[in-house]
Amino acid sequence: MSFEAIQQVTAAEQAVQQRRAEAAEEAKRLAAEAERAGRQSVMDARDRAEARAKELLSQAEARAGETSRRTLAENAAQCEALKQTAMSRLDQAADLIIGKVGG
């Protein structure tokens, strides 16, 4: 084999080694980039889930507050109705008591 042929083979081998090294570096870079992107996606998803959970909790609290206010208002109305019924029967009760005591 001539000296020139040996130099060409050696140069080709060095070029192949250089390409392999570059490819390995590119693969490492791409893997690191993919890992960063994956971590960011997880963080973004977690942030969205936390925001949605807060929103749902706020809505549930608002509904619970409205239900509580409505229940209190209904109970107050029922108490007032019972009070009015009792007041309207007070005269009857007084007459009945007076009738038993006086009679």
N, C-alpha and C. Protein backbone atom coordinates (compact mmCIF):
# COMPACT_ATOMS: atom_id res chain seq x y z
N MET A 1 0.86 -1.15 0.00
CA MET A 1 0.00 0.00 0.00
C MET A 1 0.92 1.22 0.00
N SER A 2 0.54 2.21 -0.78
CA SER A 2 1.37 3.40 -0.87
C SER A 2 1.16 4.31 0.33
N PHE A 3 2.13 5.18 0.54
CA PHE A 3 2.08 6.11 1.66
C PHE A 3 0.85 7.01 1.56
N GLU A 4 0.53 7.41 0.37
CA GLU A 4 -0.63 8.25 0.13
C GLU A 4 -1.93 7.53 0.48
N ALA A 5 -2.03 6.28 0.18
CA ALA A 5 -3.21 5.47 0.49
C ALA A 5 -3.35 5.32 2.00
N ILE A 6 -2.21 5.12 2.67
CA ILE A 6 -2.23 4.99 4.13
C ILE A 6 -2.70 6.31 4.75
N GLN A 7 -2.23 7.42 4.22
CA GLN A 7 -2.66 8.72 4.73
C GLN A 7 -4.17 8.93 4.52
N GLN A 8 -4.69 8.50 3.38
CA GLN A 8 -6.11 8.64 3.10
C GLN A 8 -6.94 7.79 4.07
N VAL A 9 -6.48 6.56 4.31
CA VAL A 9 -7.19 5.68 5.25
C VAL A 9 -7.15 6.28 6.64
N THR A 10 -5.98 6.76 7.06
CA THR A 10 -5.84 7.36 8.38
C THR A 10 -6.74 8.60 8.50
N ALA A 11 -6.75 9.42 7.46
CA ALA A 11 -7.60 10.62 7.47
C ALA A 11 -9.08 10.23 7.53
N ALA A 12 -9.44 9.19 6.80
CA ALA A 12 -10.84 8.74 6.82
C ALA A 12 -11.21 8.22 8.19
N GLU A 13 -10.31 7.46 8.83
CA GLU A 13 -10.56 6.94 10.17
C GLU A 13 -10.71 8.09 11.17
N GLN A 14 -9.85 9.09 11.06
CA GLN A 14 -9.94 10.24 11.96
C GLN A 14 -11.27 11.00 11.74
N ALA A 15 -11.66 11.13 10.49
CA ALA A 15 -12.93 11.81 10.17
C ALA A 15 -14.10 11.03 10.78
N VAL A 16 -14.06 9.71 10.68
CA VAL A 16 -15.12 8.87 11.26
C VAL A 16 -15.14 9.04 12.77
N GLN A 17 -13.97 9.03 13.40
CA GLN A 17 -13.91 9.21 14.85
C GLN A 17 -14.45 10.59 15.24
N GLN A 18 -14.10 11.59 14.47
CA GLN A 18 -14.58 12.95 14.74
C GLN A 18 -16.10 13.01 14.63
N ARG A 19 -16.66 12.37 13.59
CA ARG A 19 -18.12 12.36 13.41
C ARG A 19 -18.80 11.60 14.55
N ARG A 20 -18.19 10.50 14.98
CA ARG A 20 -18.76 9.74 16.11
C ARG A 20 -18.77 10.60 17.37
N ALA A 21 -17.66 11.30 17.63
CA ALA A 21 -17.58 12.16 18.81
C ALA A 21 -18.63 13.28 18.73
N GLU A 22 -18.76 13.89 17.56
CA GLU A 22 -19.76 14.94 17.38
C GLU A 22 -21.17 14.39 17.56
N ALA A 23 -21.41 13.20 17.02
CA ALA A 23 -22.73 12.58 17.15
C ALA A 23 -23.02 12.25 18.61
N ALA A 24 -22.01 11.79 19.35
CA ALA A 24 -22.20 11.48 20.77
C ALA A 24 -22.52 12.76 21.55
N GLU A 25 -21.82 13.85 21.24
CA GLU A 25 -22.07 15.13 21.90
C GLU A 25 -23.48 15.63 21.57
N GLU A 26 -23.86 15.51 20.32
CA GLU A 26 -25.20 15.94 19.91
C GLU A 26 -26.27 15.10 20.61
N ALA A 27 -26.03 13.81 20.74
CA ALA A 27 -26.97 12.94 21.43
C ALA A 27 -27.10 13.35 22.90
N LYS A 28 -25.97 13.67 23.54
CA LYS A 28 -26.01 14.12 24.95
C LYS A 28 -26.79 15.43 25.06
N ARG A 29 -26.52 16.34 24.14
CA ARG A 29 -27.20 17.63 24.16
C ARG A 29 -28.71 17.45 23.98
N LEU A 30 -29.10 16.62 23.03
CA LEU A 30 -30.52 16.38 22.78
C LEU A 30 -31.19 15.71 23.98
N ALA A 31 -30.48 14.77 24.60
CA ALA A 31 -31.04 14.09 25.77
C ALA A 31 -31.23 15.08 26.92
N ALA A 32 -30.24 15.94 27.14
CA ALA A 32 -30.35 16.94 28.20
C ALA A 32 -31.48 17.92 27.91
N GLU A 33 -31.61 18.32 26.66
CA GLU A 33 -32.67 19.24 26.27
C GLU A 33 -34.05 18.58 26.46
N ALA A 34 -34.16 17.33 26.08
CA ALA A 34 -35.42 16.60 26.25
C ALA A 34 -35.76 16.45 27.73
N GLU A 35 -34.76 16.20 28.54
CA GLU A 35 -35.00 16.06 29.98
C GLU A 35 -35.47 17.39 30.58
N ARG A 36 -34.83 18.49 30.18
CA ARG A 36 -35.26 19.81 30.66
C ARG A 36 -36.70 20.10 30.22
N ALA A 37 -36.99 19.80 28.96
CA ALA A 37 -38.34 20.04 28.44
C ALA A 37 -39.36 19.18 29.19
N GLY A 38 -38.98 17.95 29.48
CA GLY A 38 -39.88 17.06 30.23
C GLY A 38 -40.15 17.58 31.63
N ARG A 39 -39.08 18.02 32.30
CA ARG A 39 -39.25 18.59 33.65
C ARG A 39 -40.14 19.83 33.61
N GLN A 40 -39.94 20.67 32.60
CA GLN A 40 -40.75 21.87 32.47
C GLN A 40 -42.22 21.50 32.22
N SER A 41 -42.45 20.49 31.41
CA SER A 41 -43.82 20.05 31.14
C SER A 41 -44.48 19.56 32.42
N VAL A 42 -43.73 18.82 33.22
CA VAL A 42 -44.29 18.33 34.49
C VAL A 42 -44.61 19.50 35.41
N MET A 43 -43.70 20.46 35.50
CA MET A 43 -43.94 21.63 36.36
C MET A 43 -45.15 22.42 35.87
N ASP A 44 -45.25 22.59 34.54
CA ASP A 44 -46.39 23.32 33.98
C ASP A 44 -47.70 22.59 34.27
N ALA A 45 -47.69 21.27 34.11
CA ALA A 45 -48.90 20.49 34.39
C ALA A 45 -49.27 20.58 35.86
N ARG A 46 -48.28 20.52 36.74
CA ARG A 46 -48.53 20.64 38.18
C ARG A 46 -49.13 22.01 38.50
N ASP A 47 -48.56 23.06 37.90
CA ASP A 47 -49.08 24.41 38.13
C ASP A 47 -50.53 24.54 37.66
N ARG A 48 -50.82 23.97 36.48
CA ARG A 48 -52.19 24.03 35.97
C ARG A 48 -53.13 23.24 36.88
N ALA A 49 -52.68 22.08 37.36
CA ALA A 49 -53.52 21.27 38.25
C ALA A 49 -53.78 22.00 39.57
N GLU A 50 -52.77 22.64 40.12
CA GLU A 50 -52.95 23.39 41.37
C GLU A 50 -53.90 24.56 41.17
N ALA A 51 -53.76 25.26 40.05
CA ALA A 51 -54.65 26.39 39.77
C ALA A 51 -56.09 25.91 39.62
N ARG A 52 -56.27 24.78 38.94
CA ARG A 52 -57.62 24.22 38.74
C ARG A 52 -58.20 23.77 40.08
N ALA A 53 -57.37 23.16 40.91
CA ALA A 53 -57.83 22.72 42.23
C ALA A 53 -58.27 23.91 43.07
N LYS A 54 -57.50 25.00 43.03
CA LYS A 54 -57.88 26.21 43.77
C LYS A 54 -59.19 26.77 43.25
N GLU A 55 -59.33 26.77 41.93
CA GLU A 55 -60.56 27.28 41.32
C GLU A 55 -61.76 26.43 41.76
N LEU A 56 -61.61 25.11 41.71
CA LEU A 56 -62.70 24.22 42.11
C LEU A 56 -63.03 24.39 43.59
N LEU A 57 -62.01 24.54 44.41
CA LEU A 57 -62.23 24.74 45.85
C LEU A 57 -62.97 26.05 46.09
N SER A 58 -62.58 27.09 45.38
CA SER A 58 -63.24 28.37 45.52
C SER A 58 -64.71 28.28 45.10
N GLN A 59 -64.97 27.58 44.01
CA GLN A 59 -66.35 27.40 43.57
C GLN A 59 -67.15 26.60 44.59
N ALA A 60 -66.56 25.56 45.14
CA ALA A 60 -67.24 24.74 46.13
C ALA A 60 -67.54 25.56 47.39
N GLU A 61 -66.58 26.37 47.81
CA GLU A 61 -66.80 27.22 48.98
C GLU A 61 -67.91 28.22 48.72
N ALA A 62 -67.96 28.78 47.52
CA ALA A 62 -69.01 29.74 47.18
C ALA A 62 -70.38 29.06 47.20
N ARG A 63 -70.44 27.84 46.62
CA ARG A 63 -71.72 27.11 46.64
C ARG A 63 -72.12 26.76 48.07
N ALA A 64 -71.16 26.35 48.88
CA ALA A 64 -71.45 26.01 50.28
C ALA A 64 -71.93 27.24 51.04
N GLY A 65 -71.31 28.37 50.80
CA GLY A 65 -71.73 29.61 51.44
C GLY A 65 -73.14 29.99 51.04
N GLU A 66 -73.45 29.86 49.76
CA GLU A 66 -74.80 30.18 49.28
C GLU A 66 -75.82 29.21 49.88
N THR A 67 -75.49 27.95 49.93
CA THR A 67 -76.39 26.96 50.53
C THR A 67 -76.61 27.26 52.00
N SER A 68 -75.55 27.63 52.68
CA SER A 68 -75.65 27.98 54.10
C SER A 68 -76.54 29.20 54.30
N ARG A 69 -76.34 30.24 53.49
CA ARG A 69 -77.17 31.44 53.60
C ARG A 69 -78.63 31.13 53.33
N ARG A 70 -78.87 30.32 52.30
CA ARG A 70 -80.24 29.95 51.95
C ARG A 70 -80.90 29.16 53.08
N THR A 71 -80.16 28.21 53.65
CA THR A 71 -80.68 27.40 54.75
C THR A 71 -80.99 28.26 55.97
N LEU A 72 -80.08 29.18 56.29
CA LEU A 72 -80.31 30.08 57.42
C LEU A 72 -81.54 30.95 57.18
N ALA A 73 -81.70 31.45 55.97
CA ALA A 73 -82.86 32.29 55.66
C ALA A 73 -84.16 31.48 55.77
N GLU A 74 -84.13 30.25 55.25
CA GLU A 74 -85.32 29.39 55.35
C GLU A 74 -85.66 29.09 56.80
N ASN A 75 -84.63 28.78 57.59
CA ASN A 75 -84.86 28.50 59.01
C ASN A 75 -85.38 29.73 59.74
N ALA A 76 -84.85 30.89 59.42
CA ALA A 76 -85.33 32.13 60.04
C ALA A 76 -86.80 32.36 59.68
N ALA A 77 -87.16 32.10 58.43
CA ALA A 77 -88.55 32.28 58.00
C ALA A 77 -89.46 31.29 58.72
N GLN A 78 -89.00 30.05 58.87
CA GLN A 78 -89.80 29.05 59.59
C GLN A 78 -89.95 29.44 61.06
N CYS A 79 -88.89 29.93 61.66
CA CYS A 79 -88.96 30.37 63.06
C CYS A 79 -89.95 31.52 63.20
N GLU A 80 -89.89 32.46 62.27
CA GLU A 80 -90.81 33.60 62.31
C GLU A 80 -92.25 33.12 62.15
N ALA A 81 -92.48 32.17 61.26
CA ALA A 81 -93.84 31.64 61.07
C ALA A 81 -94.32 30.95 62.34
N LEU A 82 -93.45 30.17 62.97
CA LEU A 82 -93.83 29.51 64.23
C LEU A 82 -94.12 30.54 65.31
N LYS A 83 -93.31 31.59 65.34
CA LYS A 83 -93.51 32.65 66.33
C LYS A 83 -94.85 33.34 66.11
N GLN A 84 -95.16 33.62 64.86
CA GLN A 84 -96.44 34.27 64.54
C GLN A 84 -97.61 33.36 64.91
N THR A 85 -97.47 32.06 64.64
CA THR A 85 -98.52 31.10 65.01
C THR A 85 -98.69 31.07 66.52
N ALA A 86 -97.58 31.03 67.23
CA ALA A 86 -97.65 31.01 68.70
C ALA A 86 -98.27 32.29 69.23
N MET A 87 -97.90 33.43 68.67
CA MET A 87 -98.46 34.70 69.12
C MET A 87 -99.96 34.76 68.86
N SER A 88 -100.38 34.21 67.72
CA SER A 88 -101.80 34.25 67.41
C SER A 88 -102.60 33.35 68.35
N ARG A 89 -101.96 32.36 68.92
CA ARG A 89 -102.64 31.44 69.84
C ARG A 89 -102.46 31.85 71.31
N LEU A 90 -101.73 32.90 71.55
CA LEU A 90 -101.47 33.35 72.91
C LEU A 90 -102.76 33.74 73.64
N ASP A 91 -103.62 34.45 72.93
CA ASP A 91 -104.89 34.84 73.54
C ASP A 91 -105.72 33.62 73.90
N GLN A 92 -105.73 32.62 73.04
CA GLN A 92 -106.48 31.38 73.33
C GLN A 92 -105.89 30.68 74.55
N ALA A 93 -104.57 30.66 74.61
CA ALA A 93 -103.92 30.01 75.75
C ALA A 93 -104.23 30.76 77.04
N ALA A 94 -104.20 32.09 76.98
CA ALA A 94 -104.49 32.89 78.17
C ALA A 94 -105.93 32.67 78.62
N ASP A 95 -106.86 32.64 77.67
CA ASP A 95 -108.26 32.38 78.00
C ASP A 95 -108.41 31.00 78.62
N LEU A 96 -107.72 30.01 78.09
CA LEU A 96 -107.81 28.65 78.61
C LEU A 96 -107.26 28.59 80.05
N ILE A 97 -106.14 29.27 80.27
CA ILE A 97 -105.54 29.29 81.60
C ILE A 97 -106.48 30.01 82.59
N ILE A 98 -106.99 31.14 82.17
CA ILE A 98 -107.88 31.91 83.03
C ILE A 98 -109.14 31.10 83.32
N GLY A 99 -109.61 30.40 82.33
CA GLY A 99 -110.81 29.57 82.52
C GLY A 99 -110.56 28.46 83.51
N LYS A 100 -109.39 27.86 83.51
CA LYS A 100 -109.08 26.76 84.44
C LYS A 100 -108.82 27.30 85.84
N VAL A 101 -108.18 28.44 85.93
CA VAL A 101 -107.87 29.02 87.23
C VAL A 101 -109.14 29.60 87.85
N GLY A 102 -109.91 30.26 87.05
CA GLY A 102 -111.09 30.94 87.56
C GLY A 102 -112.25 29.99 87.75
N GLY A 103 -112.21 28.87 87.15
CA GLY A 103 -113.37 28.03 87.12
C GLY A 103 -113.50 27.00 88.10
